[in-house]
Amino acid sequence: MIHETAKVGKGTKIEDTAVIQENCEIGENCFIGHYVVMRPNTKIGDDTVIGHLTVFEGDCSVGSKCLIHAQCHITKGAVIEDLVFIAPMFCGCNDNYMVHNRRHIKPFIVNGYTVKRAARIGAGVMVLPGVTIGENSVVGVGSVVTRNVMPGTVFYGSPGRIKGLVDKIEHL
């Protein structure tokens, strides 16, 4: 289902089971897989591939020439820049306090994360609210990212730590 207010660029293929809600924008020459859900105000750049069963909670953006694999969860407030690779089972978080049904105590304030240009993120990574993953960095499989990842670094673990540098030949 594609909402009438959604904008879809030329050459983009969207599988029949995807749900694209109000005011979403998808660039040219993209692929949107089966059972993808894009809640209102999700923005996707050109030449980007979104894998099956990925959910965008709305009010988030993904740049051009990205690959976001299957079963990823992209929360409100997330900013994913160009040339980013995200492996399956990624989970981003945007809430410093679990205020479900307690908004009378503390309001929900979106605290999105940012994935900078050409970063690569392994399978099963969890990113906490407000974190920035630096340009050309690599985050290893299963890592829990509790703090910012410096540009051009190799970062992994639970909690994650800088373990080295990305070879300059791999920088985009």
N, C-alpha and C. Protein backbone atom coordinates (compact mmCIF):
# COMPACT_ATOMS: atom_id res chain seq x y z
N MET A 1 0.83 -1.16 0.00
CA MET A 1 0.00 0.00 0.00
C MET A 1 0.89 1.25 0.00
N ILE A 2 0.65 2.13 -0.92
CA ILE A 2 1.39 3.39 -0.99
C ILE A 2 0.39 4.52 -0.81
N HIS A 3 0.56 5.31 0.23
CA HIS A 3 -0.36 6.42 0.51
C HIS A 3 -0.31 7.44 -0.61
N GLU A 4 -1.43 8.06 -0.88
CA GLU A 4 -1.53 9.03 -1.99
C GLU A 4 -0.61 10.24 -1.85
N THR A 5 -0.17 10.56 -0.63
CA THR A 5 0.74 11.70 -0.44
C THR A 5 2.21 11.32 -0.54
N ALA A 6 2.49 10.02 -0.64
CA ALA A 6 3.88 9.58 -0.76
C ALA A 6 4.42 9.93 -2.14
N LYS A 7 5.72 10.24 -2.19
CA LYS A 7 6.38 10.54 -3.46
C LYS A 7 7.40 9.45 -3.74
N VAL A 8 7.31 8.87 -4.94
CA VAL A 8 8.20 7.78 -5.32
C VAL A 8 8.92 8.15 -6.61
N GLY A 9 10.25 8.09 -6.58
CA GLY A 9 11.05 8.48 -7.73
C GLY A 9 11.00 7.48 -8.87
N LYS A 10 11.41 7.95 -10.03
CA LYS A 10 11.47 7.15 -11.25
C LYS A 10 12.38 5.93 -11.06
N GLY A 11 11.93 4.81 -11.58
CA GLY A 11 12.75 3.61 -11.56
C GLY A 11 12.77 2.86 -10.24
N THR A 12 12.03 3.32 -9.26
CA THR A 12 11.99 2.66 -7.95
C THR A 12 11.01 1.50 -7.98
N LYS A 13 11.43 0.37 -7.41
CA LYS A 13 10.57 -0.82 -7.32
C LYS A 13 10.19 -1.02 -5.86
N ILE A 14 8.89 -1.12 -5.63
CA ILE A 14 8.36 -1.35 -4.28
C ILE A 14 7.55 -2.64 -4.31
N GLU A 15 7.93 -3.60 -3.48
CA GLU A 15 7.20 -4.86 -3.43
C GLU A 15 5.77 -4.62 -2.94
N ASP A 16 4.84 -5.48 -3.41
CA ASP A 16 3.42 -5.31 -3.15
C ASP A 16 3.05 -5.30 -1.67
N THR A 17 3.83 -5.96 -0.84
CA THR A 17 3.49 -6.09 0.58
C THR A 17 4.04 -4.95 1.44
N ALA A 18 4.76 -4.02 0.83
CA ALA A 18 5.30 -2.87 1.59
C ALA A 18 4.17 -1.91 1.92
N VAL A 19 4.34 -1.18 3.03
CA VAL A 19 3.39 -0.16 3.45
C VAL A 19 4.14 1.17 3.53
N ILE A 20 3.74 2.11 2.68
CA ILE A 20 4.38 3.43 2.61
C ILE A 20 3.31 4.43 3.03
N GLN A 21 3.48 5.07 4.20
CA GLN A 21 2.45 5.94 4.75
C GLN A 21 2.60 7.40 4.32
N GLU A 22 1.87 8.27 4.96
CA GLU A 22 1.76 9.68 4.58
C GLU A 22 3.11 10.38 4.49
N ASN A 23 3.24 11.21 3.46
CA ASN A 23 4.36 12.14 3.29
C ASN A 23 5.74 11.48 3.26
N CYS A 24 5.78 10.22 2.91
CA CYS A 24 7.09 9.56 2.71
C CYS A 24 7.63 9.97 1.35
N GLU A 25 8.95 10.02 1.25
CA GLU A 25 9.61 10.33 -0.02
C GLU A 25 10.68 9.29 -0.28
N ILE A 26 10.60 8.67 -1.45
CA ILE A 26 11.58 7.66 -1.86
C ILE A 26 12.18 8.13 -3.17
N GLY A 27 13.51 8.18 -3.23
CA GLY A 27 14.21 8.68 -4.41
C GLY A 27 14.11 7.76 -5.61
N GLU A 28 14.91 8.06 -6.60
CA GLU A 28 14.94 7.31 -7.85
C GLU A 28 15.77 6.05 -7.73
N ASN A 29 15.37 5.03 -8.51
CA ASN A 29 16.13 3.78 -8.65
C ASN A 29 16.39 3.06 -7.33
N CYS A 30 15.41 3.09 -6.46
CA CYS A 30 15.51 2.38 -5.18
C CYS A 30 14.81 1.03 -5.28
N PHE A 31 15.07 0.18 -4.28
CA PHE A 31 14.33 -1.07 -4.13
C PHE A 31 13.84 -1.12 -2.69
N ILE A 32 12.54 -1.37 -2.54
CA ILE A 32 11.92 -1.48 -1.22
C ILE A 32 11.35 -2.89 -1.13
N GLY A 33 11.86 -3.69 -0.19
CA GLY A 33 11.52 -5.11 -0.10
C GLY A 33 10.15 -5.41 0.47
N HIS A 34 9.86 -6.71 0.53
CA HIS A 34 8.58 -7.20 1.07
C HIS A 34 8.44 -6.82 2.55
N TYR A 35 7.24 -6.46 2.92
CA TYR A 35 6.84 -6.18 4.30
C TYR A 35 7.63 -5.05 4.95
N VAL A 36 8.19 -4.18 4.15
CA VAL A 36 8.81 -2.96 4.69
C VAL A 36 7.69 -2.03 5.13
N VAL A 37 7.86 -1.37 6.27
CA VAL A 37 6.90 -0.38 6.74
C VAL A 37 7.63 0.95 6.86
N MET A 38 7.09 1.96 6.20
CA MET A 38 7.61 3.33 6.31
C MET A 38 6.49 4.19 6.87
N ARG A 39 6.64 4.57 8.14
CA ARG A 39 5.65 5.43 8.77
C ARG A 39 5.84 6.86 8.29
N PRO A 40 4.92 7.76 8.62
CA PRO A 40 4.92 9.11 8.03
C PRO A 40 6.25 9.84 8.13
N ASN A 41 6.55 10.57 7.05
CA ASN A 41 7.72 11.46 6.95
C ASN A 41 9.06 10.74 6.92
N THR A 42 9.08 9.53 6.41
CA THR A 42 10.33 8.82 6.17
C THR A 42 10.86 9.28 4.82
N LYS A 43 12.14 9.61 4.77
CA LYS A 43 12.78 10.08 3.54
C LYS A 43 13.91 9.12 3.16
N ILE A 44 13.92 8.69 1.89
CA ILE A 44 14.94 7.77 1.38
C ILE A 44 15.54 8.41 0.13
N GLY A 45 16.87 8.47 0.04
CA GLY A 45 17.56 9.05 -1.11
C GLY A 45 17.55 8.14 -2.33
N ASP A 46 18.26 8.53 -3.37
CA ASP A 46 18.34 7.78 -4.62
C ASP A 46 19.23 6.54 -4.49
N ASP A 47 18.95 5.54 -5.33
CA ASP A 47 19.80 4.35 -5.47
C ASP A 47 20.03 3.61 -4.15
N THR A 48 19.01 3.58 -3.31
CA THR A 48 19.11 2.93 -2.00
C THR A 48 18.27 1.65 -2.00
N VAL A 49 18.78 0.61 -1.33
CA VAL A 49 18.09 -0.67 -1.21
C VAL A 49 17.68 -0.87 0.24
N ILE A 50 16.40 -1.18 0.43
CA ILE A 50 15.86 -1.46 1.76
C ILE A 50 15.39 -2.91 1.78
N GLY A 51 15.98 -3.72 2.64
CA GLY A 51 15.67 -5.14 2.71
C GLY A 51 14.32 -5.44 3.33
N HIS A 52 13.87 -6.66 3.11
CA HIS A 52 12.58 -7.15 3.57
C HIS A 52 12.43 -6.99 5.09
N LEU A 53 11.20 -6.72 5.51
CA LEU A 53 10.83 -6.67 6.93
C LEU A 53 11.50 -5.55 7.73
N THR A 54 11.99 -4.54 7.06
CA THR A 54 12.59 -3.41 7.76
C THR A 54 11.50 -2.40 8.09
N VAL A 55 11.59 -1.80 9.28
CA VAL A 55 10.59 -0.84 9.74
C VAL A 55 11.25 0.51 10.00
N PHE A 56 10.63 1.55 9.46
CA PHE A 56 11.02 2.94 9.71
C PHE A 56 9.91 3.57 10.52
N GLU A 57 10.22 4.09 11.70
CA GLU A 57 9.20 4.63 12.59
C GLU A 57 8.73 6.04 12.21
N GLY A 58 9.24 6.58 11.11
CA GLY A 58 8.79 7.89 10.64
C GLY A 58 9.70 9.00 11.15
N ASP A 59 9.58 10.18 10.52
CA ASP A 59 10.41 11.33 10.89
C ASP A 59 11.89 10.95 10.95
N CYS A 60 12.35 10.22 9.94
CA CYS A 60 13.74 9.78 9.85
C CYS A 60 14.19 9.87 8.40
N SER A 61 15.50 9.79 8.19
CA SER A 61 15.98 9.91 6.81
C SER A 61 17.15 8.97 6.54
N VAL A 62 17.21 8.51 5.29
CA VAL A 62 18.29 7.67 4.79
C VAL A 62 18.79 8.32 3.51
N GLY A 63 20.10 8.41 3.35
CA GLY A 63 20.69 9.06 2.19
C GLY A 63 20.65 8.21 0.94
N SER A 64 21.46 8.60 -0.02
CA SER A 64 21.55 7.91 -1.31
C SER A 64 22.63 6.83 -1.28
N LYS A 65 22.45 5.85 -2.15
CA LYS A 65 23.40 4.74 -2.33
C LYS A 65 23.68 3.98 -1.04
N CYS A 66 22.62 3.79 -0.25
CA CYS A 66 22.72 3.02 0.99
C CYS A 66 22.17 1.62 0.77
N LEU A 67 22.61 0.69 1.60
CA LEU A 67 22.05 -0.65 1.64
C LEU A 67 21.69 -0.93 3.09
N ILE A 68 20.39 -1.04 3.33
CA ILE A 68 19.90 -1.41 4.67
C ILE A 68 19.26 -2.78 4.50
N HIS A 69 19.88 -3.77 5.11
CA HIS A 69 19.45 -5.16 4.93
C HIS A 69 18.12 -5.45 5.63
N ALA A 70 17.75 -6.72 5.62
CA ALA A 70 16.48 -7.18 6.15
C ALA A 70 16.41 -7.06 7.67
N GLN A 71 15.19 -6.89 8.14
CA GLN A 71 14.83 -6.93 9.56
C GLN A 71 15.57 -5.89 10.40
N CYS A 72 15.65 -4.69 9.88
CA CYS A 72 16.26 -3.59 10.63
C CYS A 72 15.16 -2.69 11.20
N HIS A 73 15.45 -2.02 12.30
CA HIS A 73 14.50 -1.12 12.95
C HIS A 73 15.13 0.27 13.01
N ILE A 74 14.55 1.21 12.26
CA ILE A 74 15.05 2.58 12.19
C ILE A 74 14.04 3.47 12.91
N THR A 75 14.46 4.11 13.98
CA THR A 75 13.53 4.87 14.82
C THR A 75 13.35 6.32 14.35
N LYS A 76 12.35 6.96 14.94
CA LYS A 76 12.15 8.39 14.72
C LYS A 76 13.42 9.13 15.12
N GLY A 77 13.73 10.17 14.36
CA GLY A 77 14.89 10.99 14.67
C GLY A 77 16.20 10.47 14.13
N ALA A 78 16.19 9.30 13.50
CA ALA A 78 17.42 8.73 12.94
C ALA A 78 17.81 9.48 11.68
N VAL A 79 19.11 9.71 11.53
CA VAL A 79 19.66 10.30 10.31
C VAL A 79 20.76 9.37 9.83
N ILE A 80 20.55 8.82 8.64
CA ILE A 80 21.52 7.91 8.03
C ILE A 80 21.97 8.59 6.74
N GLU A 81 23.25 8.91 6.66
CA GLU A 81 23.78 9.65 5.51
C GLU A 81 24.06 8.73 4.32
N ASP A 82 24.63 9.27 3.25
CA ASP A 82 24.90 8.55 2.02
C ASP A 82 25.93 7.42 2.19
N LEU A 83 25.82 6.41 1.32
CA LEU A 83 26.80 5.32 1.18
C LEU A 83 26.93 4.44 2.42
N VAL A 84 25.92 4.41 3.26
CA VAL A 84 25.95 3.62 4.49
C VAL A 84 25.50 2.18 4.21
N PHE A 85 26.17 1.23 4.85
CA PHE A 85 25.80 -0.18 4.81
C PHE A 85 25.37 -0.59 6.21
N ILE A 86 24.17 -1.18 6.31
CA ILE A 86 23.70 -1.71 7.59
C ILE A 86 23.26 -3.16 7.36
N ALA A 87 23.89 -4.09 8.08
CA ALA A 87 23.60 -5.52 7.96
C ALA A 87 22.28 -5.86 8.66
N PRO A 88 21.78 -7.10 8.47
CA PRO A 88 20.50 -7.49 9.06
C PRO A 88 20.47 -7.37 10.59
N MET A 89 19.26 -7.19 11.08
CA MET A 89 18.93 -7.21 12.52
C MET A 89 19.47 -6.00 13.29
N PHE A 90 19.74 -4.91 12.61
CA PHE A 90 20.13 -3.66 13.27
C PHE A 90 18.96 -3.15 14.09
N CYS A 91 19.26 -2.58 15.26
CA CYS A 91 18.21 -1.98 16.08
C CYS A 91 18.71 -0.64 16.62
N GLY A 92 18.05 0.42 16.22
CA GLY A 92 18.36 1.75 16.74
C GLY A 92 17.38 2.12 17.83
N CYS A 93 17.84 2.92 18.79
CA CYS A 93 17.00 3.37 19.90
C CYS A 93 16.96 4.89 19.94
N ASN A 94 15.86 5.44 20.40
CA ASN A 94 15.73 6.90 20.43
C ASN A 94 15.13 7.45 21.71
N ASP A 95 15.04 6.65 22.74
CA ASP A 95 14.36 7.04 23.96
C ASP A 95 15.28 6.78 25.16
N ASN A 96 15.70 7.84 25.82
CA ASN A 96 16.57 7.68 27.00
C ASN A 96 15.84 7.12 28.21
N TYR A 97 14.52 7.23 28.20
CA TYR A 97 13.70 6.75 29.31
C TYR A 97 12.55 5.94 28.72
N MET A 98 12.27 4.80 29.27
CA MET A 98 11.13 4.02 28.79
C MET A 98 9.87 4.55 29.46
N VAL A 99 9.23 5.50 28.78
CA VAL A 99 8.10 6.20 29.39
C VAL A 99 6.74 5.66 28.97
N HIS A 100 6.73 4.51 28.33
CA HIS A 100 5.46 3.94 27.86
C HIS A 100 4.40 3.97 28.97
N ASN A 101 3.27 4.58 28.67
CA ASN A 101 2.15 4.74 29.60
C ASN A 101 2.51 5.55 30.85
N ARG A 102 3.59 6.31 30.81
CA ARG A 102 4.00 7.13 31.95
C ARG A 102 4.29 8.56 31.51
N ARG A 103 3.68 8.98 30.44
CA ARG A 103 3.94 10.33 29.91
C ARG A 103 3.52 11.42 30.89
N HIS A 104 2.67 11.09 31.83
CA HIS A 104 2.30 12.06 32.86
C HIS A 104 3.47 12.32 33.83
N ILE A 105 4.43 11.40 33.88
CA ILE A 105 5.61 11.56 34.73
C ILE A 105 6.73 12.26 33.97
N LYS A 106 6.95 11.83 32.75
CA LYS A 106 8.05 12.36 31.93
C LYS A 106 7.64 12.27 30.47
N PRO A 107 7.69 13.36 29.73
CA PRO A 107 7.31 13.30 28.31
C PRO A 107 8.35 12.55 27.48
N PHE A 108 7.87 11.97 26.37
CA PHE A 108 8.77 11.31 25.44
C PHE A 108 9.46 12.39 24.60
N ILE A 109 10.78 12.38 24.60
CA ILE A 109 11.57 13.31 23.79
C ILE A 109 12.44 12.47 22.87
N VAL A 110 12.23 12.65 21.56
CA VAL A 110 13.00 11.88 20.58
C VAL A 110 14.47 12.27 20.67
N ASN A 111 15.34 11.28 20.80
CA ASN A 111 16.78 11.48 20.82
C ASN A 111 17.40 10.51 19.82
N GLY A 112 17.29 10.88 18.54
CA GLY A 112 17.74 10.00 17.46
C GLY A 112 19.24 9.85 17.40
N TYR A 113 19.67 8.90 16.62
CA TYR A 113 21.09 8.63 16.40
C TYR A 113 21.43 9.06 14.98
N THR A 114 22.73 9.18 14.69
CA THR A 114 23.20 9.57 13.36
C THR A 114 24.24 8.57 12.89
N VAL A 115 24.10 8.14 11.64
CA VAL A 115 25.11 7.28 11.02
C VAL A 115 25.69 8.10 9.87
N LYS A 116 26.95 8.47 10.00
CA LYS A 116 27.60 9.35 9.03
C LYS A 116 27.98 8.61 7.75
N ARG A 117 28.33 9.39 6.75
CA ARG A 117 28.64 8.95 5.40
C ARG A 117 29.61 7.76 5.38
N ALA A 118 29.24 6.75 4.59
CA ALA A 118 30.07 5.58 4.30
C ALA A 118 30.42 4.72 5.52
N ALA A 119 29.66 4.85 6.60
CA ALA A 119 29.87 3.95 7.74
C ALA A 119 29.31 2.57 7.39
N ARG A 120 29.87 1.53 8.03
CA ARG A 120 29.42 0.17 7.83
C ARG A 120 29.12 -0.45 9.18
N ILE A 121 27.95 -1.08 9.26
CA ILE A 121 27.48 -1.62 10.54
C ILE A 121 27.15 -3.09 10.36
N GLY A 122 27.75 -3.95 11.21
CA GLY A 122 27.55 -5.39 11.12
C GLY A 122 26.20 -5.84 11.63
N ALA A 123 25.92 -7.13 11.46
CA ALA A 123 24.65 -7.73 11.85
C ALA A 123 24.44 -7.66 13.36
N GLY A 124 23.18 -7.46 13.74
CA GLY A 124 22.79 -7.52 15.13
C GLY A 124 23.31 -6.41 16.01
N VAL A 125 23.64 -5.28 15.42
CA VAL A 125 24.15 -4.14 16.21
C VAL A 125 22.99 -3.36 16.82
N MET A 126 23.19 -2.89 18.05
CA MET A 126 22.22 -2.02 18.72
C MET A 126 22.89 -0.67 18.98
N VAL A 127 22.21 0.41 18.59
CA VAL A 127 22.73 1.76 18.78
C VAL A 127 21.81 2.50 19.74
N LEU A 128 22.39 3.07 20.79
CA LEU A 128 21.60 3.77 21.80
C LEU A 128 21.29 5.21 21.38
N PRO A 129 20.35 5.85 22.06
CA PRO A 129 19.91 7.20 21.69
C PRO A 129 21.05 8.22 21.69
N GLY A 130 20.99 9.14 20.71
CA GLY A 130 21.90 10.26 20.67
C GLY A 130 23.30 9.98 20.18
N VAL A 131 23.59 8.74 19.83
CA VAL A 131 24.93 8.33 19.40
C VAL A 131 25.17 8.74 17.95
N THR A 132 26.42 9.10 17.63
CA THR A 132 26.84 9.35 16.26
C THR A 132 27.90 8.32 15.88
N ILE A 133 27.66 7.66 14.76
CA ILE A 133 28.63 6.72 14.21
C ILE A 133 29.35 7.46 13.10
N GLY A 134 30.66 7.64 13.24
CA GLY A 134 31.45 8.50 12.38
C GLY A 134 31.63 8.01 10.96
N GLU A 135 31.98 8.95 10.09
CA GLU A 135 32.22 8.69 8.67
C GLU A 135 33.29 7.62 8.49
N ASN A 136 33.03 6.70 7.56
CA ASN A 136 33.96 5.63 7.20
C ASN A 136 34.34 4.71 8.36
N SER A 137 33.54 4.68 9.40
CA SER A 137 33.83 3.77 10.51
C SER A 137 33.19 2.41 10.25
N VAL A 138 33.63 1.41 11.01
CA VAL A 138 33.09 0.06 10.94
C VAL A 138 32.69 -0.35 12.34
N VAL A 139 31.44 -0.80 12.50
CA VAL A 139 30.95 -1.31 13.78
C VAL A 139 30.74 -2.81 13.62
N GLY A 140 31.42 -3.59 14.45
CA GLY A 140 31.41 -5.05 14.33
C GLY A 140 30.12 -5.71 14.76
N VAL A 141 29.93 -6.92 14.29
CA VAL A 141 28.74 -7.75 14.54
C VAL A 141 28.43 -7.81 16.03
N GLY A 142 27.14 -7.65 16.36
CA GLY A 142 26.66 -7.83 17.72
C GLY A 142 27.06 -6.74 18.71
N SER A 143 27.62 -5.66 18.23
CA SER A 143 28.07 -4.60 19.14
C SER A 143 26.90 -3.83 19.74
N VAL A 144 27.13 -3.31 20.94
CA VAL A 144 26.19 -2.38 21.56
C VAL A 144 26.91 -1.04 21.61
N VAL A 145 26.39 -0.09 20.83
CA VAL A 145 27.04 1.22 20.69
C VAL A 145 26.42 2.17 21.69
N THR A 146 27.17 2.43 22.78
CA THR A 146 26.69 3.27 23.88
C THR A 146 27.24 4.68 23.83
N ARG A 147 28.23 4.91 22.94
CA ARG A 147 28.86 6.23 22.84
C ARG A 147 29.27 6.47 21.39
N ASN A 148 29.65 7.69 21.09
CA ASN A 148 30.00 8.05 19.72
C ASN A 148 31.18 7.21 19.21
N VAL A 149 31.12 6.91 17.91
CA VAL A 149 32.18 6.19 17.23
C VAL A 149 32.93 7.21 16.38
N MET A 150 34.22 7.34 16.62
CA MET A 150 35.03 8.32 15.89
C MET A 150 35.14 7.94 14.41
N PRO A 151 35.24 8.93 13.52
CA PRO A 151 35.39 8.64 12.09
C PRO A 151 36.60 7.74 11.82
N GLY A 152 36.43 6.82 10.86
CA GLY A 152 37.53 5.99 10.41
C GLY A 152 38.04 4.97 11.41
N THR A 153 37.24 4.63 12.42
CA THR A 153 37.69 3.66 13.41
C THR A 153 36.94 2.33 13.27
N VAL A 154 37.56 1.27 13.79
CA VAL A 154 36.93 -0.04 13.92
C VAL A 154 36.47 -0.13 15.37
N PHE A 155 35.19 -0.45 15.55
CA PHE A 155 34.55 -0.37 16.86
C PHE A 155 33.73 -1.64 17.04
N TYR A 156 33.95 -2.36 18.15
CA TYR A 156 33.10 -3.52 18.41
C TYR A 156 33.14 -3.90 19.87
N GLY A 157 32.17 -4.74 20.23
CA GLY A 157 32.06 -5.24 21.60
C GLY A 157 30.75 -4.84 22.24
N SER A 158 30.60 -5.30 23.50
CA SER A 158 29.39 -5.00 24.26
C SER A 158 29.78 -4.72 25.71
N PRO A 159 29.90 -3.46 26.10
CA PRO A 159 29.73 -2.28 25.24
C PRO A 159 30.92 -2.13 24.28
N GLY A 160 30.65 -1.48 23.15
CA GLY A 160 31.66 -1.32 22.12
C GLY A 160 32.81 -0.40 22.52
N ARG A 161 33.97 -0.69 21.94
CA ARG A 161 35.17 0.12 22.16
C ARG A 161 35.92 0.24 20.84
N ILE A 162 36.72 1.27 20.70
CA ILE A 162 37.57 1.42 19.51
C ILE A 162 38.64 0.34 19.57
N LYS A 163 38.80 -0.40 18.47
CA LYS A 163 39.76 -1.50 18.42
C LYS A 163 40.84 -1.28 17.37
N GLY A 164 40.71 -0.21 16.57
CA GLY A 164 41.70 0.03 15.53
C GLY A 164 41.21 1.09 14.56
N LEU A 165 41.90 1.17 13.42
CA LEU A 165 41.57 2.15 12.39
C LEU A 165 41.19 1.43 11.11
N VAL A 166 40.29 2.04 10.35
CA VAL A 166 39.92 1.52 9.04
C VAL A 166 41.02 1.93 8.06
N ASP A 167 41.49 0.98 7.27
CA ASP A 167 42.53 1.25 6.27
C ASP A 167 42.03 2.35 5.33
N LYS A 168 42.87 3.35 5.07
CA LYS A 168 42.50 4.48 4.22
C LYS A 168 42.02 4.07 2.86
N ILE A 169 42.51 2.94 2.34
CA ILE A 169 42.08 2.47 1.02
C ILE A 169 40.59 2.14 1.00
N GLU A 170 40.01 1.86 2.17
CA GLU A 170 38.59 1.54 2.27
C GLU A 170 37.71 2.76 2.42
N HIS A 171 38.25 3.92 2.62
CA HIS A 171 37.45 5.14 2.80
C HIS A 171 36.81 5.55 1.47
N LEU A 172 35.56 5.99 1.53
CA LEU A 172 34.85 6.49 0.34
C LEU A 172 34.75 7.99 0.39
